[in-house]
PDB file of N, CA and C in Angstrom:
ATOM      1  N   MET A   1      38.799 -20.393 -64.833  1.00  0.00           N
ATOM      2  CA  MET A   1      40.077 -20.369 -64.519  1.00  0.00           C
ATOM      3  C   MET A   1      39.404 -18.774 -64.215  1.00  0.00           C
ATOM      4  N   PRO A   2      40.025 -18.511 -63.097  1.00  0.00           N
ATOM      5  CA  PRO A   2      38.996 -17.016 -62.027  1.00  0.00           C
ATOM      6  C   PRO A   2      39.856 -16.036 -62.965  1.00  0.00           C
ATOM      7  N   MET A   3      38.596 -14.905 -62.973  1.00  0.00           N
ATOM      8  CA  MET A   3      39.096 -13.779 -63.154  1.00  0.00           C
ATOM      9  C   MET A   3      40.244 -12.734 -62.587  1.00  0.00           C
ATOM     10  N   GLN A   4      40.895 -12.038 -62.792  1.00  0.00           N
ATOM     11  CA  GLN A   4      41.810 -10.262 -61.993  1.00  0.00           C
ATOM     12  C   GLN A   4      40.696  -9.293 -62.322  1.00  0.00           C
ATOM     13  N   PRO A   5      40.921  -8.920 -61.197  1.00  0.00           N
ATOM     14  CA  PRO A   5      40.397  -7.422 -60.310  1.00  0.00           C
ATOM     15  C   PRO A   5      40.504  -6.695 -61.398  1.00  0.00           C
ATOM     16  N   SER A   6      41.686  -6.421 -62.226  1.00  0.00           N
ATOM     17  CA  SER A   6      42.330  -5.532 -63.039  1.00  0.00           C
ATOM     18  C   SER A   6      41.049  -5.404 -64.157  1.00  0.00           C
ATOM     19  N   GLU A   7      40.737  -6.933 -64.166  1.00  0.00           N
ATOM     20  CA  GLU A   7      39.869  -7.535 -66.073  1.00  0.00           C
ATOM     21  C   GLU A   7      38.231  -6.884 -65.473  1.00  0.00           C
ATOM     22  N   ILE A   8      37.638  -7.316 -64.278  1.00  0.00           N
ATOM     23  CA  ILE A   8      36.397  -6.799 -63.846  1.00  0.00           C
ATOM     24  C   ILE A   8      36.329  -5.267 -64.072  1.00  0.00           C
ATOM     25  N   GLU A   9      37.547  -4.564 -63.481  1.00  0.00           N
ATOM     26  CA  GLU A   9      36.986  -3.404 -63.882  1.00  0.00           C
ATOM     27  C   GLU A   9      37.528  -2.668 -64.997  1.00  0.00           C
ATOM     28  N   ALA A  10      37.991  -3.384 -65.682  1.00  0.00           N
ATOM     29  CA  ALA A  10      38.556  -2.811 -67.167  1.00  0.00           C
ATOM     30  C   ALA A  10      37.306  -3.010 -67.756  1.00  0.00           C
ATOM     31  N   LEU A  11      36.353  -4.367 -67.793  1.00  0.00           N
ATOM     32  CA  LEU A  11      35.246  -4.352 -68.501  1.00  0.00           C
ATOM     33  C   LEU A  11      34.069  -3.089 -67.997  1.00  0.00           C
ATOM     34  N   ILE A  12      34.442  -2.863 -66.174  1.00  0.00           N
ATOM     35  CA  ILE A  12      33.296  -2.308 -66.308  1.00  0.00           C
ATOM     36  C   ILE A  12      33.360  -0.826 -66.790  1.00  0.00           C
ATOM     37  N   LYS A  13      34.415  -0.741 -67.046  1.00  0.00           N
ATOM     38  CA  LYS A  13      34.833   1.003 -67.383  1.00  0.00           C
ATOM     39  C   LYS A  13      35.006   1.219 -68.908  1.00  0.00           C
ATOM     40  N   ALA A  14      34.827  -0.206 -69.603  1.00  0.00           N
ATOM     41  CA  ALA A  14      34.617   0.045 -70.863  1.00  0.00           C
ATOM     42  C   ALA A  14      33.138   0.814 -71.466  1.00  0.00           C
ATOM     43  N   ALA A  15      32.157  -0.372 -70.816  1.00  0.00           N
ATOM     44  CA  ALA A  15      30.965   0.219 -70.333  1.00  0.00           C
ATOM     45  C   ALA A  15      30.610   1.388 -70.327  1.00  0.00           C
ATOM     46  N   LEU A  16      31.269   1.752 -68.713  1.00  0.00           N
ATOM     47  CA  LEU A  16      30.781   3.133 -68.068  1.00  0.00           C
ATOM     48  C   LEU A  16      32.005   3.783 -67.798  1.00  0.00           C
ATOM     49  N   PRO A  17      32.489   4.672 -69.098  1.00  0.00           N
ATOM     50  CA  PRO A  17      34.253   5.316 -69.159  1.00  0.00           C
ATOM     51  C   PRO A  17      34.381   6.546 -67.730  1.00  0.00           C
ATOM     52  N   ASP A  18      33.029   6.660 -67.515  1.00  0.00           N
ATOM     53  CA  ASP A  18      33.338   7.647 -66.227  1.00  0.00           C
ATOM     54  C   ASP A  18      32.995   7.170 -64.867  1.00  0.00           C
ATOM     55  N   ALA A  19      33.300   5.747 -65.074  1.00  0.00           N
ATOM     56  CA  ALA A  19      32.974   4.892 -63.694  1.00  0.00           C
ATOM     57  C   ALA A  19      34.325   5.057 -62.811  1.00  0.00           C
ATOM     58  N   GLN A  20      33.928   5.349 -61.381  1.00  0.00           N
ATOM     59  CA  GLN A  20      35.253   4.845 -60.178  1.00  0.00           C
ATOM     60  C   GLN A  20      34.745   3.613 -59.580  1.00  0.00           C
ATOM     61  N   VAL A  21      35.384   2.727 -59.933  1.00  0.00           N
ATOM     62  CA  VAL A  21      35.242   0.930 -59.414  1.00  0.00           C
ATOM     63  C   VAL A  21      36.138   1.267 -58.437  1.00  0.00           C
ATOM     64  N   THR A  22      35.859  -0.086 -57.467  1.00  0.00           N
ATOM     65  CA  THR A  22      36.915  -0.628 -56.568  1.00  0.00           C
ATOM     66  C   THR A  22      36.014  -1.789 -56.700  1.00  0.00           C
ATOM     67  N   ILE A  23      36.845  -3.083 -56.449  1.00  0.00           N
ATOM     68  CA  ILE A  23      36.945  -4.446 -56.466  1.00  0.00           C
ATOM     69  C   ILE A  23      37.669  -5.213 -55.766  1.00  0.00           C
ATOM     70  N   GLU A  24      37.273  -5.534 -54.439  1.00  0.00           N
ATOM     71  CA  GLU A  24      37.803  -6.531 -53.666  1.00  0.00           C
ATOM     72  C   GLU A  24      37.315  -7.897 -53.601  1.00  0.00           C
ATOM     73  N   ASP A  25      38.050  -8.850 -53.625  1.00  0.00           N
ATOM     74  CA  ASP A  25      38.433 -10.057 -53.310  1.00  0.00           C
ATOM     75  C   ASP A  25      37.726 -10.306 -52.054  1.00  0.00           C
ATOM     76  N   LEU A  26      36.397 -11.385 -51.991  1.00  0.00           N
ATOM     77  CA  LEU A  26      35.892 -11.725 -51.179  1.00  0.00           C
ATOM     78  C   LEU A  26      36.900 -12.686 -50.030  1.00  0.00           C
ATOM     79  N   ALA A  27      37.090 -13.665 -50.914  1.00  0.00           N
ATOM     80  CA  ALA A  27      37.539 -15.112 -50.191  1.00  0.00           C
ATOM     81  C   ALA A  27      39.073 -15.288 -50.787  1.00  0.00           C
ATOM     82  N   GLY A  28      39.837 -14.676 -51.549  1.00  0.00           N
ATOM     83  CA  GLY A  28      40.700 -14.964 -51.676  1.00  0.00           C
ATOM     84  C   GLY A  28      41.516 -15.851 -52.760  1.00  0.00           C
ATOM     85  N   ASP A  29      39.781 -16.328 -53.268  1.00  0.00           N
ATOM     86  CA  ASP A  29      39.956 -17.501 -54.126  1.00  0.00           C
ATOM     87  C   ASP A  29      39.799 -16.883 -56.021  1.00  0.00           C
ATOM     88  N   GLY A  30      39.423 -15.353 -56.263  1.00  0.00           N
ATOM     89  CA  GLY A  30      39.417 -15.223 -57.867  1.00  0.00           C
ATOM     90  C   GLY A  30      38.115 -15.374 -58.140  1.00  0.00           C
ATOM     91  N   ASP A  31      36.921 -16.358 -57.120  1.00  0.00           N
ATOM     92  CA  ASP A  31      35.913 -16.292 -57.882  1.00  0.00           C
ATOM     93  C   ASP A  31      34.775 -14.935 -56.914  1.00  0.00           C
ATOM     94  N   HIS A  32      34.915 -14.407 -55.638  1.00  0.00           N
ATOM     95  CA  HIS A  32      33.818 -13.941 -55.217  1.00  0.00           C
ATOM     96  C   HIS A  32      34.206 -12.820 -54.897  1.00  0.00           C
ATOM     97  N   TYR A  33      33.855 -11.774 -55.144  1.00  0.00           N
ATOM     98  CA  TYR A  33      34.440 -10.540 -55.592  1.00  0.00           C
ATOM     99  C   TYR A  33      33.305  -9.502 -54.826  1.00  0.00           C
ATOM    100  N   ALA A  34      33.662  -8.331 -54.345  1.00  0.00           N
ATOM    101  CA  ALA A  34      32.499  -7.142 -53.931  1.00  0.00           C
ATOM    102  C   ALA A  34      33.149  -5.926 -55.117  1.00  0.00           C
ATOM    103  N   ALA A  35      32.136  -5.003 -55.692  1.00  0.00           N
ATOM    104  CA  ALA A  35      32.574  -3.861 -56.664  1.00  0.00           C
ATOM    105  C   ALA A  35      31.279  -2.848 -56.113  1.00  0.00           C
ATOM    106  N   THR A  36      32.243  -1.602 -56.120  1.00  0.00           N
ATOM    107  CA  THR A  36      31.545  -1.170 -55.607  1.00  0.00           C
ATOM    108  C   THR A  36      31.502   0.623 -57.182  1.00  0.00           C
ATOM    109  N   VAL A  37      30.937   0.638 -57.860  1.00  0.00           N
ATOM    110  CA  VAL A  37      30.389   1.508 -59.108  1.00  0.00           C
ATOM    111  C   VAL A  37      29.847   2.568 -58.821  1.00  0.00           C
ATOM    112  N   VAL A  38      30.624   3.828 -58.804  1.00  0.00           N
ATOM    113  CA  VAL A  38      29.991   5.126 -59.035  1.00  0.00           C
ATOM    114  C   VAL A  38      30.428   5.615 -60.572  1.00  0.00           C
ATOM    115  N   SER A  39      28.922   6.047 -60.783  1.00  0.00           N
ATOM    116  CA  SER A  39      29.143   6.479 -62.202  1.00  0.00           C
ATOM    117  C   SER A  39      27.457   7.540 -62.265  1.00  0.00           C
ATOM    118  N   GLU A  40      28.096   8.404 -63.674  1.00  0.00           N
ATOM    119  CA  GLU A  40      26.655   9.347 -63.825  1.00  0.00           C
ATOM    120  C   GLU A  40      25.659   8.664 -64.169  1.00  0.00           C
ATOM    121  N   ALA A  41      26.119   7.800 -65.154  1.00  0.00           N
ATOM    122  CA  ALA A  41      25.051   7.271 -65.774  1.00  0.00           C
ATOM    123  C   ALA A  41      23.802   6.487 -65.145  1.00  0.00           C
ATOM    124  N   PHE A  42      23.930   6.383 -63.913  1.00  0.00           N
ATOM    125  CA  PHE A  42      23.743   5.882 -63.186  1.00  0.00           C
ATOM    126  C   PHE A  42      22.503   6.596 -62.123  1.00  0.00           C
ATOM    127  N   ARG A  43      22.397   7.761 -62.542  1.00  0.00           N
ATOM    128  CA  ARG A  43      21.463   9.225 -62.306  1.00  0.00           C
ATOM    129  C   ARG A  43      20.100   8.965 -62.727  1.00  0.00           C
ATOM    130  N   GLY A  44      19.359   8.726 -61.374  1.00  0.00           N
ATOM    131  CA  GLY A  44      17.838   8.232 -62.268  1.00  0.00           C
ATOM    132  C   GLY A  44      17.349   7.442 -62.681  1.00  0.00           C
ATOM    133  N   ILE A  45      17.809   6.351 -62.511  1.00  0.00           N
ATOM    134  CA  ILE A  45      17.592   4.774 -62.804  1.00  0.00           C
ATOM    135  C   ILE A  45      17.604   4.087 -61.050  1.00  0.00           C
ATOM    136  N   SER A  46      17.033   2.809 -61.522  1.00  0.00           N
ATOM    137  CA  SER A  46      16.699   2.490 -60.221  1.00  0.00           C
ATOM    138  C   SER A  46      17.618   1.755 -59.752  1.00  0.00           C
ATOM    139  N   ARG A  47      17.914   1.489 -58.991  1.00  0.00           N
ATOM    140  CA  ARG A  47      19.276   0.430 -58.097  1.00  0.00           C
ATOM    141  C   ARG A  47      19.659  -0.875 -59.048  1.00  0.00           C
ATOM    142  N   VAL A  48      18.096  -1.482 -59.662  1.00  0.00           N
ATOM    143  CA  VAL A  48      17.850  -3.357 -60.471  1.00  0.00           C
ATOM    144  C   VAL A  48      18.415  -2.693 -61.543  1.00  0.00           C
ATOM    145  N   LYS A  49      18.396  -1.773 -62.127  1.00  0.00           N
ATOM    146  CA  LYS A  49      18.486  -0.911 -64.122  1.00  0.00           C
ATOM    147  C   LYS A  49      20.229  -0.888 -63.521  1.00  0.00           C
ATOM    148  N   GLN A  50      20.881  -0.421 -62.450  1.00  0.00           N
ATOM    149  CA  GLN A  50      21.890  -0.449 -62.307  1.00  0.00           C
ATOM    150  C   GLN A  50      22.759  -1.264 -62.216  1.00  0.00           C
ATOM    151  N   HIS A  51      22.189  -2.401 -61.597  1.00  0.00           N
ATOM    152  CA  HIS A  51      23.435  -3.779 -61.178  1.00  0.00           C
ATOM    153  C   HIS A  51      23.087  -4.439 -62.713  1.00  0.00           C
ATOM    154  N   GLN A  52      21.922  -4.344 -63.592  1.00  0.00           N
ATOM    155  CA  GLN A  52      22.014  -4.453 -64.901  1.00  0.00           C
ATOM    156  C   GLN A  52      22.693  -4.152 -65.550  1.00  0.00           C
ATOM    157  N   VAL A  53      22.875  -2.874 -65.711  1.00  0.00           N
ATOM    158  CA  VAL A  53      24.358  -2.473 -66.514  1.00  0.00           C
ATOM    159  C   VAL A  53      25.629  -3.271 -65.983  1.00  0.00           C
ATOM    160  N   VAL A  54      26.088  -2.992 -65.117  1.00  0.00           N
ATOM    161  CA  VAL A  54      26.851  -3.661 -64.894  1.00  0.00           C
ATOM    162  C   VAL A  54      27.328  -4.908 -65.114  1.00  0.00           C
ATOM    163  N   TYR A  55      25.850  -5.498 -65.194  1.00  0.00           N
ATOM    164  CA  TYR A  55      26.112  -7.253 -65.211  1.00  0.00           C
ATOM    165  C   TYR A  55      26.528  -7.780 -66.958  1.00  0.00           C
ATOM    166  N   ALA A  56      25.723  -6.354 -67.431  1.00  0.00           N
ATOM    167  CA  ALA A  56      26.015  -6.214 -69.322  1.00  0.00           C
ATOM    168  C   ALA A  56      27.037  -6.016 -69.349  1.00  0.00           C
ATOM    169  N   ALA A  57      27.957  -5.094 -68.765  1.00  0.00           N
ATOM    170  CA  ALA A  57      29.475  -5.000 -69.007  1.00  0.00           C
ATOM    171  C   ALA A  57      30.390  -6.066 -68.816  1.00  0.00           C
ATOM    172  N   LEU A  58      29.932  -7.025 -67.767  1.00  0.00           N
ATOM    173  CA  LEU A  58      30.790  -8.032 -67.714  1.00  0.00           C
ATOM    174  C   LEU A  58      30.437  -9.343 -68.978  1.00  0.00           C
ATOM    175  N   GLY A  59      29.072  -8.761 -70.040  1.00  0.00           N
ATOM    176  CA  GLY A  59      29.135  -9.915 -71.237  1.00  0.00           C
ATOM    177  C   GLY A  59      29.240 -11.247 -70.874  1.00  0.00           C
ATOM    178  N   GLY A  60      28.032 -11.623 -69.986  1.00  0.00           N
ATOM    179  CA  GLY A  60      27.967 -13.027 -69.481  1.00  0.00           C
ATOM    180  C   GLY A  60      28.602 -13.715 -68.786  1.00  0.00           C
ATOM    181  N   ARG A  61      29.530 -12.894 -68.522  1.00  0.00           N
ATOM    182  CA  ARG A  61      30.490 -13.854 -67.496  1.00  0.00           C
ATOM    183  C   ARG A  61      30.439 -14.103 -65.815  1.00  0.00           C
ATOM    184  N   MET A  62      28.868 -13.178 -65.713  1.00  0.00           N
ATOM    185  CA  MET A  62      28.331 -13.918 -64.245  1.00  0.00           C
ATOM    186  C   MET A  62      28.453 -15.519 -64.416  1.00  0.00           C
ATOM    187  N   GLY A  63      28.503 -16.385 -63.079  1.00  0.00           N
ATOM    188  CA  GLY A  63      28.316 -17.367 -62.924  1.00  0.00           C
ATOM    189  C   GLY A  63      28.598 -18.268 -63.743  1.00  0.00           C
ATOM    190  N   GLY A  64      29.711 -18.138 -64.636  1.00  0.00           N
ATOM    191  CA  GLY A  64      30.805 -18.677 -65.622  1.00  0.00           C
ATOM    192  C   GLY A  64      31.852 -18.390 -64.911  1.00  0.00           C
ATOM    193  N   VAL A  65      32.808 -17.744 -65.076  1.00  0.00           N
ATOM    194  CA  VAL A  65      33.915 -17.541 -65.304  1.00  0.00           C
ATOM    195  C   VAL A  65      34.373 -16.391 -63.661  1.00  0.00           C
ATOM    196  N   LEU A  66      33.266 -15.838 -63.588  1.00  0.00           N
ATOM    197  CA  LEU A  66      32.855 -15.151 -62.470  1.00  0.00           C
ATOM    198  C   LEU A  66      31.711 -15.949 -61.631  1.00  0.00           C
ATOM    199  N   HIS A  67      31.990 -16.405 -60.622  1.00  0.00           N
ATOM    200  CA  HIS A  67      30.784 -17.125 -60.000  1.00  0.00           C
ATOM    201  C   HIS A  67      30.026 -16.155 -59.259  1.00  0.00           C
ATOM    202  N   ALA A  68      30.940 -15.376 -58.394  1.00  0.00           N
ATOM    203  CA  ALA A  68      30.075 -13.869 -57.503  1.00  0.00           C
ATOM    204  C   ALA A  68      30.401 -12.755 -57.191  1.00  0.00           C
ATOM    205  N   LEU A  69      28.996 -11.923 -57.546  1.00  0.00           N
ATOM    206  CA  LEU A  69      29.811 -10.577 -57.636  1.00  0.00           C
ATOM    207  C   LEU A  69      28.426  -9.800 -56.469  1.00  0.00           C
ATOM    208  N   ALA A  70      29.051  -9.419 -55.257  1.00  0.00           N
ATOM    209  CA  ALA A  70      28.546  -8.669 -54.414  1.00  0.00           C
ATOM    210  C   ALA A  70      28.697  -6.821 -54.871  1.00  0.00           C
ATOM    211  N   LEU A  71      27.621  -6.305 -55.701  1.00  0.00           N
ATOM    212  CA  LEU A  71      27.383  -5.020 -56.021  1.00  0.00           C
ATOM    213  C   LEU A  71      26.923  -3.822 -54.792  1.00  0.00           C
ATOM    214  N   GLN A  72      27.643  -3.030 -54.932  1.00  0.00           N
ATOM    215  CA  GLN A  72      27.236  -1.442 -54.322  1.00  0.00           C
ATOM    216  C   GLN A  72      26.900  -0.741 -56.104  1.00  0.00           C
ATOM    217  N   THR A  73      25.956   0.115 -56.255  1.00  0.00           N
ATOM    218  CA  THR A  73      26.066   1.208 -57.564  1.00  0.00           C
ATOM    219  C   THR A  73      24.943   2.511 -56.815  1.00  0.00           C
ATOM    220  N   SER A  74      26.085   3.546 -57.540  1.00  0.00           N
ATOM    221  CA  SER A  74      25.444   4.669 -56.872  1.00  0.00           C
ATOM    222  C   SER A  74      25.775   5.481 -58.057  1.00  0.00           C
ATOM    223  N   ALA A  75      25.559   6.587 -58.152  1.00  0.00           N
ATOM    224  CA  ALA A  75      25.652   7.888 -58.431  1.00  0.00           C
ATOM    225  C   ALA A  75      26.193   9.182 -57.864  1.00  0.00           C
ATOM    226  N   PRO A  76      27.296   9.927 -58.693  1.00  0.00           N
ATOM    227  CA  PRO A  76      28.167  10.899 -57.537  1.00  0.00           C
ATOM    228  C   PRO A  76      27.500  11.588 -56.581  1.00  0.00           C
ATOM    229  N   ASP A  77      27.955  11.632 -55.873  1.00  0.00           N
ATOM    230  CA  ASP A  77      27.061  12.685 -54.461  1.00  0.00           C
ATOM    231  C   ASP A  77      27.255  13.987 -55.301  1.00  0.00           C
TER     232      ASP A  77
END
């Protein structure tokens, strides 16, 4: 069963309460999303570590119920 954008956003915000999260359904199938996540928690850490934080927030759903997630992460300007 596909994930809803609101569920992805809620999982990310549970781990990163200050995050500004934008989710876009890329294919209209509920399996391929793009997410932009901006959080102060990302300041000073590598892009790879930022993505790991987001994937950890998704609790193992990547590759299962959530097939693909294109990520853009950053700290606020």
